[in-house]
Amino acid sequence: MLREILNFPFECEKKVLMHSCCAPCSGEVIEAIVASGIDLTILFYNPNIHPLKEYEIRKEENKRYAKKLGVKFVDLDYDVQDWFARAKGMEYEPERGIRCTMCFDMRFERTALFAYENGFHVFTSSLGISRWKNMEQINDCGAKAAAKYENLNYWTYNWRKGGGGARMYEISKRENFYKQEYCGCIYSLRDTNKFRKEKGRGEIKICQNFYGD
């Protein structure tokens, strides 16, 4: 059974809420969960993504793919001012540092609340499939958010294993997803452009070559 291939540890559960950061990262995760026979709902809550136009493009790509597969999609608020307030004082922290922990906490706290209020006992995230992320950091944040509610669990499956990381890129290419060149927040964009400049490469142009831009 495909549920066993995914090492799904919640035998009595038939549905999962998945926090999705973007279509390129979540494509493989969505396909694997749907193929397993689990009833999947996608939740999009990413107030870190900047600017708003970039956020809308990433969200719409995710919605498009969910609709194609017949997966339920929950669109929550773009709570960007709260995100900036939480990030204050962390503007120059490195990737995978405390600013990222804050960001994961904020997104997972909201996901956990939605799960609790809507009858989900299991939630997970597509964030960990990216090789640029610290999976232990993400799983710790997920487990911490779930622990606030009775009978709620964070599923810590390693989506990179079994070729999942490679299939992520294959699916992204097949579906012609919008190509993202930075994590999402304004500080990630700043640091990525600094790195590109040091390597003699051009800066990232926001939302380039998409929707007529």
Protein backbone atom coordinates (compact mmCIF):
# COMPACT_ATOMS: atom_id res chain seq x y z
CA MET A 1 0.00 0.00 0.00
CA LEU A 2 1.36 3.42 -0.93
CA ARG A 3 0.55 4.80 2.52
CA GLU A 4 3.11 2.32 3.85
CA ILE A 5 5.70 3.43 1.29
CA LEU A 6 5.35 6.93 2.72
CA ASN A 7 5.74 5.51 6.23
CA PHE A 8 2.47 7.15 7.22
CA PRO A 9 2.41 6.56 10.98
CA PHE A 10 -1.20 7.55 11.66
CA GLU A 11 -3.10 4.42 10.67
CA CYS A 12 -6.56 5.61 11.64
CA GLU A 13 -6.26 8.99 9.91
CA LYS A 14 -7.64 9.42 6.41
CA LYS A 15 -6.91 13.08 5.81
CA VAL A 16 -3.90 15.38 6.01
CA LEU A 17 -3.52 19.15 5.94
CA MET A 18 -0.39 20.20 4.09
CA HIS A 19 1.16 23.64 4.45
CA SER A 20 2.47 24.53 0.99
CA CYS A 21 5.18 27.11 0.42
CA CYS A 22 4.97 27.09 -3.40
CA ALA A 23 4.10 24.90 -6.37
CA PRO A 24 7.69 23.86 -7.28
CA CYS A 25 8.38 22.51 -3.78
CA SER A 26 4.95 21.00 -3.18
CA GLY A 27 4.41 19.30 -6.55
CA GLU A 28 6.10 16.03 -5.61
CA VAL A 29 4.63 16.05 -2.10
CA ILE A 30 1.10 16.57 -3.47
CA GLU A 31 1.46 13.81 -6.05
CA ALA A 32 2.86 11.35 -3.50
CA ILE A 33 0.13 11.98 -0.94
CA VAL A 34 -2.68 11.88 -3.51
CA ALA A 35 -1.32 8.63 -4.96
CA SER A 36 -1.28 7.14 -1.47
CA GLY A 37 -5.04 7.49 -1.15
CA ILE A 38 -4.87 10.06 1.64
CA ASP A 39 -7.46 12.84 1.55
CA LEU A 40 -5.28 15.93 1.12
CA THR A 41 -6.06 19.59 1.72
CA ILE A 42 -3.48 22.25 0.84
CA LEU A 43 -3.13 25.34 3.01
CA PHE A 44 -1.31 28.38 1.61
CA TYR A 45 -0.13 30.77 4.30
CA ASN A 46 3.16 32.49 3.47
CA PRO A 47 3.24 36.14 4.60
CA ASN A 48 7.02 36.07 4.24
CA ILE A 49 6.88 36.23 0.44
CA HIS A 50 7.78 39.67 -0.88
CA PRO A 51 6.66 41.66 -2.81
CA LEU A 52 2.90 41.17 -3.09
CA LYS A 53 3.07 40.46 -6.82
CA GLU A 54 5.57 37.66 -6.21
CA TYR A 55 3.28 36.29 -3.51
CA GLU A 56 0.25 36.30 -5.81
CA ILE A 57 2.12 34.54 -8.62
CA ARG A 58 3.39 31.79 -6.32
CA LYS A 59 -0.07 31.34 -4.81
CA GLU A 60 -1.83 31.18 -8.17
CA GLU A 61 0.65 28.58 -9.46
CA ASN A 62 -0.09 26.48 -6.42
CA LYS A 63 -3.85 26.88 -6.86
CA ARG A 64 -3.62 25.97 -10.53
CA TYR A 65 -1.84 22.72 -9.78
CA ALA A 66 -4.18 21.83 -6.92
CA LYS A 67 -7.17 22.36 -9.20
CA LYS A 68 -5.60 20.15 -11.85
CA LEU A 69 -5.30 17.29 -9.36
CA GLY A 70 -8.65 17.93 -7.72
CA VAL A 71 -7.08 18.79 -4.36
CA LYS A 72 -8.78 21.15 -1.93
CA PHE A 73 -6.96 24.48 -1.52
CA VAL A 74 -7.24 26.85 1.44
CA ASP A 75 -6.04 30.42 0.87
CA LEU A 76 -5.28 32.34 4.07
CA ASP A 77 -4.39 35.99 4.60
CA TYR A 78 -1.25 37.75 3.41
CA ASP A 79 -0.37 38.91 6.91
CA VAL A 80 2.80 40.67 5.82
CA GLN A 81 2.87 43.43 8.43
CA ASP A 82 2.80 40.90 11.24
CA TRP A 83 5.65 39.03 9.56
CA PHE A 84 7.80 42.17 9.35
CA ALA A 85 7.02 42.97 12.99
CA ARG A 86 8.19 39.51 14.03
CA ALA A 87 11.31 39.79 11.88
CA LYS A 88 12.36 43.10 13.43
CA GLY A 89 15.92 42.86 14.72
CA MET A 90 16.60 39.75 12.60
CA GLU A 91 17.06 41.52 9.28
CA TYR A 92 20.70 40.45 8.94
CA GLU A 93 20.44 36.95 10.35
CA PRO A 94 21.73 34.26 7.95
CA GLU A 95 19.57 31.75 6.09
CA ARG A 96 18.65 28.80 8.32
CA GLY A 97 19.14 31.04 11.37
CA ILE A 98 16.69 32.43 13.91
CA ARG A 99 14.81 34.52 11.35
CA CYS A 100 13.92 31.35 9.45
CA THR A 101 12.89 29.66 12.69
CA MET A 102 10.58 32.60 13.40
CA CYS A 103 9.17 32.35 9.89
CA PHE A 104 8.50 28.62 10.15
CA ASP A 105 6.95 29.09 13.59
CA MET A 106 4.59 31.77 12.31
CA ARG A 107 3.41 29.72 9.35
CA PHE A 108 3.08 26.48 11.28
CA GLU A 109 1.26 28.10 14.20
CA ARG A 110 -1.39 29.31 11.77
CA THR A 111 -1.52 25.93 10.02
CA ALA A 112 -1.87 24.10 13.33
CA LEU A 113 -4.70 26.40 14.40
CA PHE A 114 -6.56 25.79 11.13
CA ALA A 115 -6.02 22.04 11.50
CA TYR A 116 -7.37 22.07 15.05
CA GLU A 117 -10.41 24.18 14.14
CA ASN A 118 -11.27 22.06 11.09
CA GLY A 119 -10.94 18.51 12.34
CA PHE A 120 -7.48 17.58 11.08
CA HIS A 121 -5.29 15.46 13.33
CA VAL A 122 -2.25 15.45 11.04
CA PHE A 123 -0.47 18.24 9.18
CA THR A 124 2.78 18.46 7.27
CA SER A 125 4.63 20.86 4.98
CA SER A 126 6.38 20.90 1.63
CA LEU A 127 9.14 23.15 3.02
CA GLY A 128 11.45 20.28 3.91
CA ILE A 129 11.84 18.94 0.38
CA SER A 130 14.16 21.76 -0.64
CA ARG A 131 17.87 21.05 -0.27
CA TRP A 132 18.30 24.69 0.74
CA LYS A 133 16.32 24.14 3.93
CA ASN A 134 17.32 22.57 7.25
CA MET A 135 14.86 19.69 7.65
CA GLU A 136 15.53 19.28 11.37
CA GLN A 137 14.77 22.96 11.90
CA ILE A 138 11.50 22.66 9.97
CA ASN A 139 10.42 19.48 11.74
CA ASP A 140 11.15 21.00 15.15
CA CYS A 141 8.97 23.99 14.32
CA GLY A 142 6.18 21.76 13.03
CA ALA A 143 6.23 19.52 16.10
CA LYS A 144 6.27 22.56 18.40
CA ALA A 145 3.19 24.03 16.69
CA ALA A 146 1.31 20.73 16.82
CA ALA A 147 2.08 20.25 20.52
CA LYS A 148 -0.14 23.21 21.38
CA TYR A 149 -3.26 21.24 20.49
CA GLU A 150 -4.62 17.96 21.75
CA ASN A 151 -4.58 15.08 19.25
CA LEU A 152 -2.70 17.07 16.60
CA ASN A 153 0.46 15.65 15.03
CA TYR A 154 3.09 16.99 12.66
CA TRP A 155 4.12 14.43 10.03
CA THR A 156 7.94 14.56 9.75
CA TYR A 157 8.35 12.47 6.59
CA ASN A 158 11.54 13.12 4.60
CA TRP A 159 10.15 14.10 1.20
CA ARG A 160 13.64 14.13 -0.33
CA LYS A 161 14.11 10.38 0.09
CA GLY A 162 13.39 7.80 -2.59
CA GLY A 163 14.15 10.24 -5.38
CA GLY A 164 11.60 12.79 -4.16
CA GLY A 165 14.02 15.67 -4.52
CA ALA A 166 14.73 14.79 -8.15
CA ARG A 167 11.03 14.32 -8.94
CA MET A 168 10.37 17.76 -7.50
CA TYR A 169 12.46 19.27 -10.30
CA GLU A 170 10.96 16.94 -12.92
CA ILE A 171 7.42 17.91 -11.99
CA SER A 172 8.30 21.60 -11.88
CA LYS A 173 9.71 21.37 -15.40
CA ARG A 174 6.80 19.27 -16.67
CA GLU A 175 4.19 21.67 -15.26
CA ASN A 176 6.15 24.75 -16.36
CA PHE A 177 5.93 26.27 -12.90
CA TYR A 178 7.04 29.84 -12.39
CA LYS A 179 10.78 29.73 -11.69
CA GLN A 180 11.60 31.14 -8.27
CA GLU A 181 15.15 32.33 -7.67
CA TYR A 182 15.02 33.20 -3.97
CA CYS A 183 13.34 31.79 -0.88
CA GLY A 184 10.68 34.45 -0.65
CA CYS A 185 11.37 37.15 1.91
CA ILE A 186 12.92 40.54 1.16
CA TYR A 187 16.03 39.66 3.16
CA SER A 188 16.53 36.46 1.21
CA LEU A 189 16.20 38.47 -2.00
CA ARG A 190 18.78 40.97 -0.74
CA ASP A 191 21.28 38.29 0.24
CA THR A 192 20.75 36.28 -2.93
CA ASN A 193 21.39 39.35 -5.07
CA LYS A 194 24.52 40.12 -3.05
CA PHE A 195 25.80 36.60 -3.72
CA ARG A 196 24.96 36.83 -7.42
CA LYS A 197 26.77 40.16 -7.68
CA GLU A 198 29.86 38.69 -6.04
CA LYS A 199 29.80 35.90 -8.62
CA GLY A 200 29.44 38.34 -11.52
CA ARG A 201 25.82 37.46 -12.18
CA GLY A 202 22.91 39.82 -12.73
CA GLU A 203 20.44 40.63 -10.00
CA ILE A 204 17.09 38.87 -9.78
CA LYS A 205 14.33 40.76 -11.53
CA ILE A 206 11.13 40.28 -9.60
CA CYS A 207 8.42 38.34 -11.42
CA GLN A 208 10.33 38.48 -14.70
CA ASN A 209 9.09 36.69 -17.81
CA PHE A 210 5.73 35.83 -16.26
CA TYR A 211 2.21 37.14 -16.79
CA GLY A 212 3.52 39.39 -19.54
CA ASP A 213 6.35 40.95 -17.52
